[in-house]
C-alpha atoms as a PDB file:
ATOM      1  CA  MET A   1     104.916 117.662 106.312  1.00  0.00           C
ATOM      2  CA  ILE A   2     103.373 114.667 107.994  1.00  0.00           C
ATOM      3  CA  THR A   3     100.581 115.825 110.270  1.00  0.00           C
ATOM      4  CA  ASN A   4      98.795 112.606 111.158  1.00  0.00           C
ATOM      5  CA  ILE A   5      99.773 108.959 111.332  1.00  0.00           C
ATOM      6  CA  VAL A   6      96.895 106.515 111.686  1.00  0.00           C
ATOM      7  CA  ARG A   7      97.577 102.761 111.676  1.00  0.00           C
ATOM      8  CA  ASN A   8     100.732 103.140 109.595  1.00  0.00           C
ATOM      9  CA  LEU A   9      98.963 105.346 107.023  1.00  0.00           C
ATOM     10  CA  GLN A  10     100.416 108.794 106.523  1.00  0.00           C
ATOM     11  CA  VAL A  11      98.241 111.764 105.703  1.00  0.00           C
ATOM     12  CA  LEU A  12     100.289 114.536 104.116  1.00  0.00           C
ATOM     13  CA  ARG A  13      99.478 118.216 104.329  1.00  0.00           C
ATOM     14  CA  ALA A  14     101.357 120.387 101.866  1.00  0.00           C
ATOM     15  CA  SER A  15     101.731 124.123 102.282  1.00  0.00           C
ATOM     16  CA  ASN A  16     100.674 124.503  98.641  1.00  0.00           C
ATOM     17  CA  LYS A  17      96.872 124.636  98.860  1.00  0.00           C
ATOM     18  CA  THR A  18      96.364 124.142  95.108  1.00  0.00           C
ATOM     19  CA  LYS A  19      97.043 120.427  95.469  1.00  0.00           C
ATOM     20  CA  ARG A  20      93.834 118.549  96.165  1.00  0.00           C
ATOM     21  CA  LYS A  21      93.743 115.329  98.138  1.00  0.00           C
ATOM     22  CA  VAL A  22      91.156 112.645  98.656  1.00  0.00           C
ATOM     23  CA  LEU A  23      91.056 110.145 101.487  1.00  0.00           C
ATOM     24  CA  VAL A  24      88.605 107.318 100.874  1.00  0.00           C
ATOM     25  CA  GLU A  25      87.400 105.043 103.639  1.00  0.00           C
ATOM     26  CA  LEU A  26      85.638 101.973 102.321  1.00  0.00           C
ATOM     27  CA  GLY A  27      84.646 100.571 105.689  1.00  0.00           C
ATOM     28  CA  PHE A  28      85.928  98.452 108.518  1.00  0.00           C
ATOM     29  CA  ILE A  29      87.024  94.872 108.022  1.00  0.00           C
ATOM     30  CA  THR A  30      86.141  93.124 111.246  1.00  0.00           C
ATOM     31  CA  SER A  31      85.334  89.655 109.938  1.00  0.00           C
ATOM     32  CA  PRO A  32      86.042  87.360 107.000  1.00  0.00           C
ATOM     33  CA  LYS A  33      82.544  88.198 105.718  1.00  0.00           C
ATOM     34  CA  ASP A  34      83.426  91.925 105.637  1.00  0.00           C
ATOM     35  CA  ALA A  35      86.683  91.204 103.813  1.00  0.00           C
ATOM     36  CA  LYS A  36      84.934  89.059 101.233  1.00  0.00           C
ATOM     37  CA  ALA A  37      82.269  91.704 100.613  1.00  0.00           C
ATOM     38  CA  LEU A  38      84.885  94.406 100.091  1.00  0.00           C
ATOM     39  CA  PHE A  39      87.455  92.518  98.048  1.00  0.00           C
ATOM     40  CA  SER A  40      84.980  90.636  95.860  1.00  0.00           C
ATOM     41  CA  ASN A  41      83.699  94.027  94.659  1.00  0.00           C
ATOM     42  CA  ILE A  42      86.981  95.944  94.582  1.00  0.00           C
ATOM     43  CA  ASP A  43      86.969  96.499  90.787  1.00  0.00           C
ATOM     44  CA  LEU A  44      83.433  97.899  90.901  1.00  0.00           C
ATOM     45  CA  ILE A  45      84.311 100.121  93.861  1.00  0.00           C
ATOM     46  CA  ALA A  46      87.428 101.413  92.082  1.00  0.00           C
ATOM     47  CA  ARG A  47      85.444 102.170  88.915  1.00  0.00           C
ATOM     48  CA  GLN A  48      82.742 104.029  90.859  1.00  0.00           C
ATOM     49  CA  LEU A  49      85.343 106.072  92.757  1.00  0.00           C
ATOM     50  CA  TYR A  50      87.067 106.972  89.486  1.00  0.00           C
ATOM     51  CA  GLU A  51      83.821 107.999  87.786  1.00  0.00           C
ATOM     52  CA  GLY A  52      82.688 110.033  90.794  1.00  0.00           C
ATOM     53  CA  LEU A  53      85.988 111.889  91.035  1.00  0.00           C
ATOM     54  CA  LEU A  54      86.055 112.537  87.298  1.00  0.00           C
ATOM     55  CA  LYS A  55      82.472 113.853  87.352  1.00  0.00           C
ATOM     56  CA  ASN A  56      83.243 116.277  90.182  1.00  0.00           C
ATOM     57  CA  ILE A  57      86.519 117.433  88.644  1.00  0.00           C
ATOM     58  CA  LYS A  58      84.720 118.236  85.379  1.00  0.00           C
ATOM     59  CA  LYS A  59      81.911 120.005  87.248  1.00  0.00           C
ATOM     60  CA  PHE A  60      83.992 122.184  89.541  1.00  0.00           C
ATOM     61  CA  TYR A  61      87.279 122.678  87.685  1.00  0.00           C
END
């Protein structure tokens, strides 16, 4: 069931509480400088998100 719609992004809430979800906000892009800073480091950001999620999954599950 869709519970929230924010700027064309849909956040889903399932009745099955065993499914975990993560919403990641990387920041606001308000200028070309912001966009460059984010997208020039996107591979590093993705790797760090992956490693952080994996670390927490191993620790708590």
